[in-house]
Amino acid sequence: MEPTDYNWVYYKLKDGRELKIREVTVEDTAMLLAYINSVSGETDNLNFGAGEFGLTFDEERQYLDNIRRSENAIYLLGFIDEVLVSALSFTCEQRERTKHTGEFGITVLKSHWGLGVGEAMLTTLIEWAKISGVIRKINLTVRSDNDRAIQLYKKLGFQYEGKRTRDLSVNGTFYDGILMGMEIN
């Protein structure tokens, strides 16, 4: 399987429903933008709030096209009953010295928290990274008080690497960012 030709992956969730995961296509642009606008208003754990995403349709379409063409990036979508419930993007720089390491961002609709969606999405990313032939390190930043996410990352093998103070400001309150990583061997 080519790393940029990811087929459907299926996971059974804690409530018995099936999560279907696949790689994004440029045809998903409108659906993805609607999803991002929805999910951005559900949590303060993201680095943008409601209405702050800031990419136009054409800019997002070009971004998705660039990811599809890259050997060291992937954008995954998770569906339950044909409804988009999760998105995960993983990107790297293209410079020779740093193209092996990148960072991901993940969202799950709040109505689907606690079902195992995030774990399934991350497991899919990790498996893709292992077969990519390029990725040797996955990094993340998580808000320091997002205990559920931190526990999930630890469960999957991510290690604590440091802290960035005042990493996020939400409604005038600063939050530190916890830096974590996983080496892919």
C-alpha atoms as a PDB file:
ATOM      1  CA  MET A   1       0.000   0.000   0.000  1.00  0.00           C
ATOM      2  CA  GLU A   2       1.338   3.423  -0.924  1.00  0.00           C
ATOM      3  CA  PRO A   3       1.479   5.781   2.075  1.00  0.00           C
ATOM      4  CA  THR A   4      -0.517   8.394   0.130  1.00  0.00           C
ATOM      5  CA  ASP A   5      -3.163   5.914  -1.029  1.00  0.00           C
ATOM      6  CA  TYR A   6      -4.701   4.968   2.302  1.00  0.00           C
ATOM      7  CA  ASN A   7      -7.797   2.790   1.980  1.00  0.00           C
ATOM      8  CA  TRP A   8     -10.688   2.541   4.415  1.00  0.00           C
ATOM      9  CA  VAL A   9      -9.798   1.311   7.891  1.00  0.00           C
ATOM     10  CA  TYR A  10     -12.537   0.095  10.239  1.00  0.00           C
ATOM     11  CA  TYR A  11     -12.689   0.157  14.046  1.00  0.00           C
ATOM     12  CA  LYS A  12     -15.431  -1.026  16.371  1.00  0.00           C
ATOM     13  CA  LEU A  13     -16.152   1.670  18.959  1.00  0.00           C
ATOM     14  CA  LYS A  14     -17.080   1.279  22.624  1.00  0.00           C
ATOM     15  CA  ASP A  15     -20.776   1.744  21.828  1.00  0.00           C
ATOM     16  CA  GLY A  16     -20.690  -0.985  19.160  1.00  0.00           C
ATOM     17  CA  ARG A  17     -20.822   1.343  16.153  1.00  0.00           C
ATOM     18  CA  GLU A  18     -18.196   1.249  13.424  1.00  0.00           C
ATOM     19  CA  LEU A  19     -15.741   4.066  12.746  1.00  0.00           C
ATOM     20  CA  LYS A  20     -14.573   4.212   9.134  1.00  0.00           C
ATOM     21  CA  ILE A  21     -11.310   6.067   8.508  1.00  0.00           C
ATOM     22  CA  ARG A  22      -9.923   7.147   5.169  1.00  0.00           C
ATOM     23  CA  GLU A  23      -7.541   9.665   3.707  1.00  0.00           C
ATOM     24  CA  VAL A  24      -8.953  13.050   2.720  1.00  0.00           C
ATOM     25  CA  THR A  25      -9.537  14.027  -0.917  1.00  0.00           C
ATOM     26  CA  VAL A  26      -9.874  17.517  -2.371  1.00  0.00           C
ATOM     27  CA  GLU A  27     -13.550  16.723  -2.951  1.00  0.00           C
ATOM     28  CA  ASP A  28     -13.932  16.735   0.859  1.00  0.00           C
ATOM     29  CA  THR A  29     -13.085  20.449   1.115  1.00  0.00           C
ATOM     30  CA  ALA A  30     -16.592  21.828   1.712  1.00  0.00           C
ATOM     31  CA  MET A  31     -17.539  19.040   4.129  1.00  0.00           C
ATOM     32  CA  LEU A  32     -14.269  19.462   6.027  1.00  0.00           C
ATOM     33  CA  LEU A  33     -14.638  23.240   6.338  1.00  0.00           C
ATOM     34  CA  ALA A  34     -18.191  22.802   7.687  1.00  0.00           C
ATOM     35  CA  TYR A  35     -16.894  20.211  10.175  1.00  0.00           C
ATOM     36  CA  ILE A  36     -14.038  22.482  11.311  1.00  0.00           C
ATOM     37  CA  ASN A  37     -16.428  25.389  11.815  1.00  0.00           C
ATOM     38  CA  SER A  38     -18.648  23.135  13.918  1.00  0.00           C
ATOM     39  CA  VAL A  39     -15.962  21.495  16.050  1.00  0.00           C
ATOM     40  CA  SER A  40     -14.074  24.758  16.684  1.00  0.00           C
ATOM     41  CA  GLY A  41     -16.990  26.023  18.764  1.00  0.00           C
ATOM     42  CA  GLU A  42     -17.198  22.894  20.931  1.00  0.00           C
ATOM     43  CA  THR A  43     -13.915  23.041  22.842  1.00  0.00           C
ATOM     44  CA  ASP A  44     -11.233  25.419  24.066  1.00  0.00           C
ATOM     45  CA  ASN A  45      -8.503  22.782  23.531  1.00  0.00           C
ATOM     46  CA  LEU A  46      -7.832  23.845  19.921  1.00  0.00           C
ATOM     47  CA  ASN A  47      -5.441  26.598  18.861  1.00  0.00           C
ATOM     48  CA  PHE A  48      -8.367  28.401  17.188  1.00  0.00           C
ATOM     49  CA  GLY A  49     -11.907  29.159  18.290  1.00  0.00           C
ATOM     50  CA  ALA A  50     -15.251  29.433  16.563  1.00  0.00           C
ATOM     51  CA  GLY A  51     -14.922  31.389  13.329  1.00  0.00           C
ATOM     52  CA  GLU A  52     -11.127  31.680  13.618  1.00  0.00           C
ATOM     53  CA  PHE A  53      -9.979  28.936  11.232  1.00  0.00           C
ATOM     54  CA  GLY A  54      -9.332  31.503   8.552  1.00  0.00           C
ATOM     55  CA  LEU A  55      -8.843  29.498   5.350  1.00  0.00           C
ATOM     56  CA  THR A  56     -11.007  30.067   2.309  1.00  0.00           C
ATOM     57  CA  PHE A  57     -12.413  27.177   0.289  1.00  0.00           C
ATOM     58  CA  ASP A  58      -9.675  27.564  -2.338  1.00  0.00           C
ATOM     59  CA  GLU A  59      -6.893  27.798   0.268  1.00  0.00           C
ATOM     60  CA  GLU A  60      -8.144  24.696   2.090  1.00  0.00           C
ATOM     61  CA  ARG A  61      -8.521  22.797  -1.200  1.00  0.00           C
ATOM     62  CA  GLN A  62      -4.912  23.666  -2.133  1.00  0.00           C
ATOM     63  CA  TYR A  63      -3.733  22.635   1.354  1.00  0.00           C
ATOM     64  CA  LEU A  64      -5.470  19.253   1.027  1.00  0.00           C
ATOM     65  CA  ASP A  65      -4.053  18.778  -2.479  1.00  0.00           C
ATOM     66  CA  ASN A  66      -0.542  19.490  -1.167  1.00  0.00           C
ATOM     67  CA  ILE A  67      -0.978  16.928   1.601  1.00  0.00           C
ATOM     68  CA  ARG A  68      -2.206  14.317  -0.878  1.00  0.00           C
ATOM     69  CA  ARG A  69       0.927  14.858  -2.977  1.00  0.00           C
ATOM     70  CA  SER A  70       3.328  14.711  -0.032  1.00  0.00           C
ATOM     71  CA  GLU A  71       5.144  11.549   1.009  1.00  0.00           C
ATOM     72  CA  ASN A  72       5.406  12.728   4.614  1.00  0.00           C
ATOM     73  CA  ALA A  73       1.933  14.105   5.377  1.00  0.00           C
ATOM     74  CA  ILE A  74      -1.534  12.658   5.757  1.00  0.00           C
ATOM     75  CA  TYR A  75      -4.992  13.941   6.563  1.00  0.00           C
ATOM     76  CA  LEU A  76      -7.420  11.359   7.916  1.00  0.00           C
ATOM     77  CA  LEU A  77     -11.189  11.587   8.227  1.00  0.00           C
ATOM     78  CA  GLY A  78     -13.291   9.429  10.551  1.00  0.00           C
ATOM     79  CA  PHE A  79     -16.941   8.655   9.800  1.00  0.00           C
ATOM     80  CA  ILE A  80     -19.776   7.016  11.728  1.00  0.00           C
ATOM     81  CA  ASP A  81     -22.858   6.257   9.649  1.00  0.00           C
ATOM     82  CA  GLU A  82     -21.534   8.516   6.856  1.00  0.00           C
ATOM     83  CA  VAL A  83     -21.216  11.488   9.257  1.00  0.00           C
ATOM     84  CA  LEU A  84     -17.777  13.088   9.669  1.00  0.00           C
ATOM     85  CA  VAL A  85     -16.950  12.860  13.393  1.00  0.00           C
ATOM     86  CA  SER A  86     -13.154  13.236  13.451  1.00  0.00           C
ATOM     87  CA  ALA A  87     -10.258  14.706  11.517  1.00  0.00           C
ATOM     88  CA  LEU A  88      -6.521  14.290  11.987  1.00  0.00           C
ATOM     89  CA  SER A  89      -3.822  16.133  10.074  1.00  0.00           C
ATOM     90  CA  PHE A  90      -0.135  15.266  10.197  1.00  0.00           C
ATOM     91  CA  THR A  91       2.371  17.484   8.439  1.00  0.00           C
ATOM     92  CA  CYS A  92       6.135  17.795   8.182  1.00  0.00           C
ATOM     93  CA  GLU A  93       8.543  20.249   6.682  1.00  0.00           C
ATOM     94  CA  GLN A  94      10.018  19.357   3.317  1.00  0.00           C
ATOM     95  CA  ARG A  95      13.642  20.126   4.155  1.00  0.00           C
ATOM     96  CA  GLU A  96      15.868  17.060   3.999  1.00  0.00           C
ATOM     97  CA  ARG A  97      17.023  17.420   7.615  1.00  0.00           C
ATOM     98  CA  THR A  98      13.517  17.657   9.089  1.00  0.00           C
ATOM     99  CA  LYS A  99      11.197  15.842   6.691  1.00  0.00           C
ATOM    100  CA  HIS A 100      11.221  12.754   8.927  1.00  0.00           C
ATOM    101  CA  THR A 101       9.465  14.473  11.844  1.00  0.00           C
ATOM    102  CA  GLY A 102       6.115  16.195  12.029  1.00  0.00           C
ATOM    103  CA  GLU A 103       3.220  17.155  14.232  1.00  0.00           C
ATOM    104  CA  PHE A 104      -0.424  16.194  14.214  1.00  0.00           C
ATOM    105  CA  GLY A 105      -3.630  17.892  15.208  1.00  0.00           C
ATOM    106  CA  ILE A 106      -6.801  15.968  15.941  1.00  0.00           C
ATOM    107  CA  THR A 107     -10.445  16.833  16.515  1.00  0.00           C
ATOM    108  CA  VAL A 108     -13.434  14.724  17.496  1.00  0.00           C
ATOM    109  CA  LEU A 109     -17.005  15.993  17.664  1.00  0.00           C
ATOM    110  CA  LYS A 110     -17.858  16.449  21.330  1.00  0.00           C
ATOM    111  CA  SER A 111     -20.912  14.192  20.952  1.00  0.00           C
ATOM    112  CA  HIS A 112     -18.482  11.357  20.146  1.00  0.00           C
ATOM    113  CA  TRP A 113     -15.930  11.846  22.940  1.00  0.00           C
ATOM    114  CA  GLY A 114     -15.203   8.788  25.062  1.00  0.00           C
ATOM    115  CA  LEU A 115     -16.068   6.223  22.381  1.00  0.00           C
ATOM    116  CA  GLY A 116     -12.513   5.429  21.243  1.00  0.00           C
ATOM    117  CA  VAL A 117     -12.600   7.623  18.122  1.00  0.00           C
ATOM    118  CA  GLY A 118      -9.399   9.490  19.018  1.00  0.00           C
ATOM    119  CA  GLU A 119      -7.552   6.268  19.801  1.00  0.00           C
ATOM    120  CA  ALA A 120      -8.604   4.733  16.478  1.00  0.00           C
ATOM    121  CA  MET A 121      -7.554   7.825  14.530  1.00  0.00           C
ATOM    122  CA  LEU A 122      -4.153   7.950  16.253  1.00  0.00           C
ATOM    123  CA  THR A 123      -3.589   4.216  15.830  1.00  0.00           C
ATOM    124  CA  THR A 124      -4.220   4.675  12.107  1.00  0.00           C
ATOM    125  CA  LEU A 125      -1.710   7.546  11.982  1.00  0.00           C
ATOM    126  CA  ILE A 126       0.932   5.504  13.819  1.00  0.00           C
ATOM    127  CA  GLU A 127       0.465   2.526  11.492  1.00  0.00           C
ATOM    128  CA  TRP A 128       0.703   4.809   8.441  1.00  0.00           C
ATOM    129  CA  ALA A 129       3.901   6.379   9.824  1.00  0.00           C
ATOM    130  CA  LYS A 130       5.450   2.936  10.273  1.00  0.00           C
ATOM    131  CA  ILE A 131       4.890   2.019   6.617  1.00  0.00           C
ATOM    132  CA  SER A 132       5.640   5.463   5.200  1.00  0.00           C
ATOM    133  CA  GLY A 133       9.366   4.838   4.868  1.00  0.00           C
ATOM    134  CA  VAL A 134       9.921   8.487   5.789  1.00  0.00           C
ATOM    135  CA  ILE A 135       8.419   9.293   9.193  1.00  0.00           C
ATOM    136  CA  ARG A 136      10.681   8.616  12.163  1.00  0.00           C
ATOM    137  CA  LYS A 137       9.061  10.877  14.787  1.00  0.00           C
ATOM    138  CA  ILE A 138       5.519  12.025  15.581  1.00  0.00           C
ATOM    139  CA  ASN A 139       5.158  15.119  17.751  1.00  0.00           C
ATOM    140  CA  LEU A 140       2.206  16.779  19.436  1.00  0.00           C
ATOM    141  CA  THR A 141       1.341  19.676  21.684  1.00  0.00           C
ATOM    142  CA  VAL A 142      -1.550  19.308  24.116  1.00  0.00           C
ATOM    143  CA  ARG A 143      -3.028  21.810  26.537  1.00  0.00           C
ATOM    144  CA  SER A 144      -1.623  21.062  30.002  1.00  0.00           C
ATOM    145  CA  ASP A 145      -5.050  20.578  31.596  1.00  0.00           C
ATOM    146  CA  ASN A 146      -6.409  18.234  28.899  1.00  0.00           C
ATOM    147  CA  ASP A 147      -5.953  15.161  31.077  1.00  0.00           C
ATOM    148  CA  ARG A 148      -8.033  12.785  28.922  1.00  0.00           C
ATOM    149  CA  ALA A 149      -5.935  13.519  25.846  1.00  0.00           C
ATOM    150  CA  ILE A 150      -2.657  13.272  27.777  1.00  0.00           C
ATOM    151  CA  GLN A 151      -3.662   9.865  29.155  1.00  0.00           C
ATOM    152  CA  LEU A 152      -4.566   8.644  25.654  1.00  0.00           C
ATOM    153  CA  TYR A 153      -1.238   9.807  24.247  1.00  0.00           C
ATOM    154  CA  LYS A 154       0.652   8.051  27.055  1.00  0.00           C
ATOM    155  CA  LYS A 155      -1.392   4.877  26.505  1.00  0.00           C
ATOM    156  CA  LEU A 156      -0.384   4.849  22.838  1.00  0.00           C
ATOM    157  CA  GLY A 157       3.311   5.305  23.648  1.00  0.00           C
ATOM    158  CA  PHE A 158       3.912   9.046  23.407  1.00  0.00           C
ATOM    159  CA  GLN A 159       6.529  10.349  25.824  1.00  0.00           C
ATOM    160  CA  TYR A 160       6.634  13.651  27.696  1.00  0.00           C
ATOM    161  CA  GLU A 161       9.310  15.900  26.178  1.00  0.00           C
ATOM    162  CA  GLY A 162       8.740  19.280  27.777  1.00  0.00           C
ATOM    163  CA  LYS A 163       6.479  22.210  28.402  1.00  0.00           C
ATOM    164  CA  ARG A 164       5.917  25.494  26.603  1.00  0.00           C
ATOM    165  CA  THR A 165       4.571  28.102  29.016  1.00  0.00           C
ATOM    166  CA  ARG A 166       1.744  30.442  28.022  1.00  0.00           C
ATOM    167  CA  ASP A 167       1.293  28.425  24.844  1.00  0.00           C
ATOM    168  CA  LEU A 168      -2.411  29.187  24.502  1.00  0.00           C
ATOM    169  CA  SER A 169      -4.563  32.103  25.617  1.00  0.00           C
ATOM    170  CA  VAL A 170      -8.296  31.467  25.949  1.00  0.00           C
ATOM    171  CA  ASN A 171     -10.503  34.317  27.152  1.00  0.00           C
ATOM    172  CA  GLY A 172      -7.525  36.001  28.806  1.00  0.00           C
ATOM    173  CA  THR A 173      -6.282  32.894  30.614  1.00  0.00           C
ATOM    174  CA  PHE A 174      -2.937  31.371  29.669  1.00  0.00           C
ATOM    175  CA  TYR A 175      -2.431  27.612  29.361  1.00  0.00           C
ATOM    176  CA  ASP A 176       0.851  25.758  29.052  1.00  0.00           C
ATOM    177  CA  GLY A 177       1.447  23.345  26.204  1.00  0.00           C
ATOM    178  CA  ILE A 178       2.765  19.872  26.971  1.00  0.00           C
ATOM    179  CA  LEU A 179       5.135  18.604  24.278  1.00  0.00           C
ATOM    180  CA  MET A 180       5.050  14.858  23.612  1.00  0.00           C
ATOM    181  CA  GLY A 181       6.564  12.633  20.969  1.00  0.00           C
ATOM    182  CA  MET A 182       6.821   9.078  19.644  1.00  0.00           C
ATOM    183  CA  GLU A 183       9.816   7.690  17.820  1.00  0.00           C
ATOM    184  CA  ILE A 184       9.045   5.456  14.851  1.00  0.00           C
ATOM    185  CA  ASN A 185      11.723   2.829  14.314  1.00  0.00           C
END
